[in-house]
C-alpha atoms as a PDB file:
ATOM      1  CA  MET A   1     -13.360 -14.803  29.911  1.00  0.00           C
ATOM      2  CA  PRO A   2     -11.185 -17.923  30.104  1.00  0.00           C
ATOM      3  CA  PRO A   3     -12.304 -20.970  28.131  1.00  0.00           C
ATOM      4  CA  ALA A   4     -14.956 -22.959  30.005  1.00  0.00           C
ATOM      5  CA  ILE A   5     -14.455 -26.564  31.049  1.00  0.00           C
ATOM      6  CA  GLY A   6     -17.494 -28.534  29.926  1.00  0.00           C
ATOM      7  CA  SER A   7     -17.956 -30.308  33.245  1.00  0.00           C
ATOM      8  CA  ALA A   8     -17.887 -26.964  35.099  1.00  0.00           C
ATOM      9  CA  LEU A   9     -20.754 -25.377  33.142  1.00  0.00           C
ATOM     10  CA  MET A  10     -23.896 -24.686  35.130  1.00  0.00           C
ATOM     11  CA  TRP A  11     -26.922 -23.952  32.969  1.00  0.00           C
ATOM     12  CA  ASN A  12     -29.114 -22.847  35.831  1.00  0.00           C
ATOM     13  CA  GLY A  13     -29.057 -19.453  37.442  1.00  0.00           C
ATOM     14  CA  ALA A  14     -28.090 -16.170  35.790  1.00  0.00           C
ATOM     15  CA  ASP A  15     -25.281 -14.793  33.688  1.00  0.00           C
ATOM     16  CA  CYS A  16     -23.182 -11.860  34.913  1.00  0.00           C
ATOM     17  CA  SER A  17     -25.518  -9.110  33.659  1.00  0.00           C
ATOM     18  CA  ASN A  18     -28.636 -10.762  35.119  1.00  0.00           C
ATOM     19  CA  PHE A  19     -26.792 -11.359  38.384  1.00  0.00           C
ATOM     20  CA  THR A  20     -25.742  -7.695  38.541  1.00  0.00           C
ATOM     21  CA  SER A  21     -29.349  -6.609  37.942  1.00  0.00           C
ATOM     22  CA  TRP A  22     -30.485  -8.962  40.711  1.00  0.00           C
ATOM     23  CA  VAL A  23     -27.929  -7.458  43.144  1.00  0.00           C
ATOM     24  CA  TYR A  24     -29.068  -3.899  42.388  1.00  0.00           C
ATOM     25  CA  ASN A  25     -32.741  -4.859  42.709  1.00  0.00           C
ATOM     26  CA  PHE A  26     -32.026  -6.728  45.961  1.00  0.00           C
ATOM     27  CA  ALA A  27     -30.430  -3.540  47.307  1.00  0.00           C
ATOM     28  CA  GLY A  28     -33.487  -1.521  46.257  1.00  0.00           C
ATOM     29  CA  LEU A  29     -31.857   0.163  43.261  1.00  0.00           C
ATOM     30  CA  ALA A  30     -33.452  -0.389  39.890  1.00  0.00           C
ATOM     31  CA  THR A  31     -30.766  -0.619  37.218  1.00  0.00           C
ATOM     32  CA  ASP A  32     -32.875   1.462  34.840  1.00  0.00           C
ATOM     33  CA  GLN A  33     -32.764   4.292  37.398  1.00  0.00           C
ATOM     34  CA  LEU A  34     -28.982   4.487  37.326  1.00  0.00           C
ATOM     35  CA  SER A  35     -26.848   6.028  34.633  1.00  0.00           C
ATOM     36  CA  MET A  36     -23.103   5.985  34.348  1.00  0.00           C
ATOM     37  CA  GLU A  37     -23.004   9.734  34.954  1.00  0.00           C
ATOM     38  CA  GLN A  38     -24.746   9.295  38.332  1.00  0.00           C
ATOM     39  CA  CYS A  39     -22.028   6.904  39.473  1.00  0.00           C
ATOM     40  CA  LEU A  40     -19.046   9.025  38.446  1.00  0.00           C
ATOM     41  CA  LEU A  41     -17.368  11.620  40.638  1.00  0.00           C
ATOM     42  CA  PRO A  42     -15.276  14.618  39.553  1.00  0.00           C
ATOM     43  CA  GLY A  43     -11.673  13.481  39.205  1.00  0.00           C
ATOM     44  CA  ASP A  44     -12.504   9.935  38.078  1.00  0.00           C
ATOM     45  CA  LEU A  45     -10.189   8.742  35.316  1.00  0.00           C
ATOM     46  CA  LEU A  46     -11.927   7.322  32.244  1.00  0.00           C
ATOM     47  CA  ASP A  47      -9.838   4.989  30.119  1.00  0.00           C
ATOM     48  CA  VAL A  48     -10.583   5.010  26.408  1.00  0.00           C
ATOM     49  CA  ALA A  49      -9.723   1.947  24.315  1.00  0.00           C
ATOM     50  CA  GLN A  50      -8.770   1.620  20.679  1.00  0.00           C
ATOM     51  CA  LYS A  51     -11.715   0.526  18.571  1.00  0.00           C
ATOM     52  CA  ASP A  52      -9.970  -2.160  16.606  1.00  0.00           C
ATOM     53  CA  THR A  53      -9.292  -5.561  18.124  1.00  0.00           C
ATOM     54  CA  VAL A  54      -5.652  -6.135  18.866  1.00  0.00           C
ATOM     55  CA  GLY A  55      -4.120  -9.582  19.293  1.00  0.00           C
ATOM     56  CA  SER A  56      -5.360 -13.131  19.106  1.00  0.00           C
ATOM     57  CA  GLY A  57      -8.874 -12.802  20.480  1.00  0.00           C
ATOM     58  CA  THR A  58      -8.220 -13.320  24.182  1.00  0.00           C
ATOM     59  CA  PHE A  59      -9.740 -10.713  26.484  1.00  0.00           C
ATOM     60  CA  ALA A  60      -6.414  -9.154  27.443  1.00  0.00           C
ATOM     61  CA  ALA A  61      -5.298  -8.922  23.826  1.00  0.00           C
ATOM     62  CA  ASP A  62      -8.605  -7.483  22.572  1.00  0.00           C
ATOM     63  CA  TYR A  63      -8.479  -4.228  24.476  1.00  0.00           C
ATOM     64  CA  LYS A  64      -5.607  -1.822  24.208  1.00  0.00           C
ATOM     65  CA  LEU A  65      -5.977   1.464  26.027  1.00  0.00           C
ATOM     66  CA  ALA A  66      -5.421   4.494  23.864  1.00  0.00           C
ATOM     67  CA  HIS A  67      -6.153   7.471  26.095  1.00  0.00           C
ATOM     68  CA  VAL A  68      -7.242   8.637  29.548  1.00  0.00           C
ATOM     69  CA  ILE A  69      -9.531  11.565  30.335  1.00  0.00           C
ATOM     70  CA  THR A  70     -10.765  13.168  33.569  1.00  0.00           C
ATOM     71  CA  TRP A  71     -14.464  13.347  34.471  1.00  0.00           C
ATOM     72  CA  THR A  72     -15.618  16.787  35.686  1.00  0.00           C
ATOM     73  CA  GLY A  73     -19.230  16.070  36.651  1.00  0.00           C
ATOM     74  CA  THR A  74     -20.127  19.309  34.898  1.00  0.00           C
ATOM     75  CA  ARG A  75     -22.262  20.055  31.864  1.00  0.00           C
ATOM     76  CA  PHE A  76     -21.410  22.703  29.282  1.00  0.00           C
ATOM     77  CA  SER A  77     -24.224  25.000  30.490  1.00  0.00           C
ATOM     78  CA  ASP A  78     -22.770  24.864  34.038  1.00  0.00           C
ATOM     79  CA  LEU A  79     -19.423  26.137  32.760  1.00  0.00           C
ATOM     80  CA  GLN A  80     -21.024  28.959  30.813  1.00  0.00           C
ATOM     81  CA  ALA A  81     -23.157  29.984  33.796  1.00  0.00           C
ATOM     82  CA  GLY A  82     -20.229  30.189  36.222  1.00  0.00           C
ATOM     83  CA  ALA A  83     -18.126  33.136  37.303  1.00  0.00           C
ATOM     84  CA  ASP A  84     -15.498  32.316  34.640  1.00  0.00           C
ATOM     85  CA  ARG A  85     -18.051  32.177  31.794  1.00  0.00           C
ATOM     86  CA  ALA A  86     -15.818  34.175  29.446  1.00  0.00           C
ATOM     87  CA  LYS A  87     -13.317  31.289  29.460  1.00  0.00           C
ATOM     88  CA  TYR A  88     -16.024  29.046  27.926  1.00  0.00           C
ATOM     89  CA  ASP A  89     -17.129  31.420  25.163  1.00  0.00           C
ATOM     90  CA  LEU A  90     -17.299  29.498  21.880  1.00  0.00           C
ATOM     91  CA  SER A  91     -15.896  32.479  19.958  1.00  0.00           C
ATOM     92  CA  ARG A  92     -12.625  32.172  21.928  1.00  0.00           C
ATOM     93  CA  MET A  93     -12.002  28.411  21.522  1.00  0.00           C
ATOM     94  CA  GLY A  94      -8.322  27.491  21.367  1.00  0.00           C
ATOM     95  CA  GLN A  95      -7.114  30.923  22.425  1.00  0.00           C
ATOM     96  CA  PRO A  96      -4.761  31.273  25.420  1.00  0.00           C
ATOM     97  CA  ASP A  97      -7.481  32.652  27.732  1.00  0.00           C
ATOM     98  CA  SER A  98     -10.021  29.962  26.752  1.00  0.00           C
ATOM     99  CA  ARG A  99     -10.625  26.687  28.560  1.00  0.00           C
ATOM    100  CA  LEU A 100     -12.136  25.134  25.401  1.00  0.00           C
ATOM    101  CA  GLY A 101      -9.902  23.350  22.918  1.00  0.00           C
ATOM    102  CA  GLY A 102      -9.749  24.603  19.356  1.00  0.00           C
ATOM    103  CA  ASP A 103     -11.219  21.241  18.321  1.00  0.00           C
ATOM    104  CA  PHE A 104     -14.309  21.661  20.532  1.00  0.00           C
ATOM    105  CA  LEU A 105     -16.951  22.030  17.803  1.00  0.00           C
ATOM    106  CA  ALA A 106     -15.533  19.090  15.841  1.00  0.00           C
ATOM    107  CA  LEU A 107     -16.263  16.831  18.832  1.00  0.00           C
ATOM    108  CA  LEU A 108     -19.971  17.681  19.115  1.00  0.00           C
ATOM    109  CA  GLY A 109     -22.753  15.293  18.186  1.00  0.00           C
ATOM    110  CA  PRO A 110     -24.410  15.344  14.750  1.00  0.00           C
ATOM    111  CA  THR A 111     -27.373  17.457  15.923  1.00  0.00           C
ATOM    112  CA  ASP A 112     -25.370  19.828  18.122  1.00  0.00           C
ATOM    113  CA  THR A 113     -24.507  23.291  16.863  1.00  0.00           C
ATOM    114  CA  ALA A 114     -22.945  26.381  18.398  1.00  0.00           C
ATOM    115  CA  ALA A 115     -26.452  27.901  18.446  1.00  0.00           C
ATOM    116  CA  ASN A 116     -28.173  25.112  20.435  1.00  0.00           C
ATOM    117  CA  LEU A 117     -25.280  24.097  22.667  1.00  0.00           C
ATOM    118  CA  GLY A 118     -26.210  24.193  26.345  1.00  0.00           C
ATOM    119  CA  GLN A 119     -29.933  23.762  25.693  1.00  0.00           C
ATOM    120  CA  PRO A 120     -31.848  20.632  26.798  1.00  0.00           C
ATOM    121  CA  GLY A 121     -30.787  17.658  24.700  1.00  0.00           C
ATOM    122  CA  HIS A 122     -27.673  19.547  23.575  1.00  0.00           C
ATOM    123  CA  ASP A 123     -25.865  20.022  26.877  1.00  0.00           C
ATOM    124  CA  PRO A 124     -22.985  17.525  26.953  1.00  0.00           C
ATOM    125  CA  TRP A 125     -21.132  16.367  30.028  1.00  0.00           C
ATOM    126  CA  MET A 126     -17.633  17.812  29.982  1.00  0.00           C
ATOM    127  CA  ILE A 127     -14.309  16.104  30.484  1.00  0.00           C
ATOM    128  CA  ILE A 128     -10.813  17.500  30.857  1.00  0.00           C
ATOM    129  CA  ASP A 129      -8.377  16.145  28.329  1.00  0.00           C
ATOM    130  CA  SER A 130      -5.000  16.872  26.834  1.00  0.00           C
ATOM    131  CA  HIS A 131      -3.859  15.696  23.430  1.00  0.00           C
ATOM    132  CA  TYR A 132      -2.393  17.191  20.266  1.00  0.00           C
ATOM    133  CA  ALA A 133      -4.680  20.250  20.552  1.00  0.00           C
ATOM    134  CA  GLY A 134      -3.568  20.846  24.169  1.00  0.00           C
ATOM    135  CA  PRO A 135      -5.253  20.626  27.570  1.00  0.00           C
ATOM    136  CA  ALA A 136      -8.869  21.769  27.608  1.00  0.00           C
ATOM    137  CA  TYR A 137     -12.470  21.002  28.437  1.00  0.00           C
ATOM    138  CA  ARG A 138     -14.085  18.854  25.776  1.00  0.00           C
ATOM    139  CA  PRO A 139     -17.547  17.271  25.409  1.00  0.00           C
ATOM    140  CA  PHE A 140     -17.912  13.638  26.492  1.00  0.00           C
ATOM    141  CA  LEU A 141     -19.271  12.584  23.112  1.00  0.00           C
ATOM    142  CA  GLY A 142     -18.194  10.636  20.050  1.00  0.00           C
ATOM    143  CA  TRP A 143     -14.880   8.818  20.338  1.00  0.00           C
ATOM    144  CA  TYR A 144     -14.614   9.399  24.082  1.00  0.00           C
ATOM    145  CA  ALA A 145     -18.018   7.882  24.945  1.00  0.00           C
ATOM    146  CA  GLU A 146     -18.057   5.195  22.240  1.00  0.00           C
ATOM    147  CA  ARG A 147     -14.717   3.688  23.261  1.00  0.00           C
ATOM    148  CA  LEU A 148     -14.947   4.048  27.033  1.00  0.00           C
ATOM    149  CA  SER A 149     -13.241   1.010  28.494  1.00  0.00           C
ATOM    150  CA  HIS A 150     -13.354   1.459  32.262  1.00  0.00           C
ATOM    151  CA  VAL A 151     -13.224   3.985  35.071  1.00  0.00           C
ATOM    152  CA  ARG A 152     -10.677   4.331  37.853  1.00  0.00           C
ATOM    153  CA  ARG A 153     -11.244   6.268  41.039  1.00  0.00           C
ATOM    154  CA  ILE A 154      -7.816   7.007  42.451  1.00  0.00           C
ATOM    155  CA  VAL A 155      -8.692   9.323  45.316  1.00  0.00           C
ATOM    156  CA  GLY A 156     -11.785   8.966  47.435  1.00  0.00           C
ATOM    157  CA  PRO A 157     -13.386  11.648  49.569  1.00  0.00           C
ATOM    158  CA  MET A 158     -11.317  12.707  52.523  1.00  0.00           C
ATOM    159  CA  ARG A 159     -12.911  11.721  55.807  1.00  0.00           C
ATOM    160  CA  PRO A 160     -11.509  13.268  58.956  1.00  0.00           C
ATOM    161  CA  GLN A 161     -10.484  10.703  61.543  1.00  0.00           C
ATOM    162  CA  PRO A 162     -11.423  11.308  65.172  1.00  0.00           C
ATOM    163  CA  ILE A 163      -8.563  12.327  67.407  1.00  0.00           C
ATOM    164  CA  ARG A 164      -8.291  10.319  70.610  1.00  0.00           C
ATOM    165  CA  THR A 165      -7.406  12.337  73.642  1.00  0.00           C
ATOM    166  CA  SER A 166      -7.693   9.472  76.090  1.00  0.00           C
ATOM    167  CA  PRO A 167      -7.250   5.710  75.866  1.00  0.00           C
ATOM    168  CA  PRO A 168     -10.335   3.739  74.778  1.00  0.00           C
ATOM    169  CA  MET A 169     -12.433   2.247  77.567  1.00  0.00           C
END
């Protein structure tokens, strides 16, 4: 945020987070009913920032993007229940016929294990990512979730346009 000019400060009203809550409530959506995952669509790009502050303390200098990942809108259990379930077998991680990176288990949360993965409370959202361990599905946990900076939606849903066969009236 740019530095404020003292004479421009208004101490009545709401700050940005209160204003956003008001807008959602005005529209009939309670902010506690929404989660980030409900707002994302498969194919959204999630930008991940470096944790450490970079620069002199201005907003633009504080955040340096480090990585981008793709949201799938799919949980681990969904992948294992699909027709290609063999490609998501934990015993085949990192192998050429696997869709899971060899680093998959290292990215899980502290209470997640290979035995409880996919069960309630241990069923992470999955992202598609490519880095030193190669392209693969990975859990949206740890570094990815903690350093999420912002989301970009490049392509929206395709909507067919009506074809006019005669001039409008």
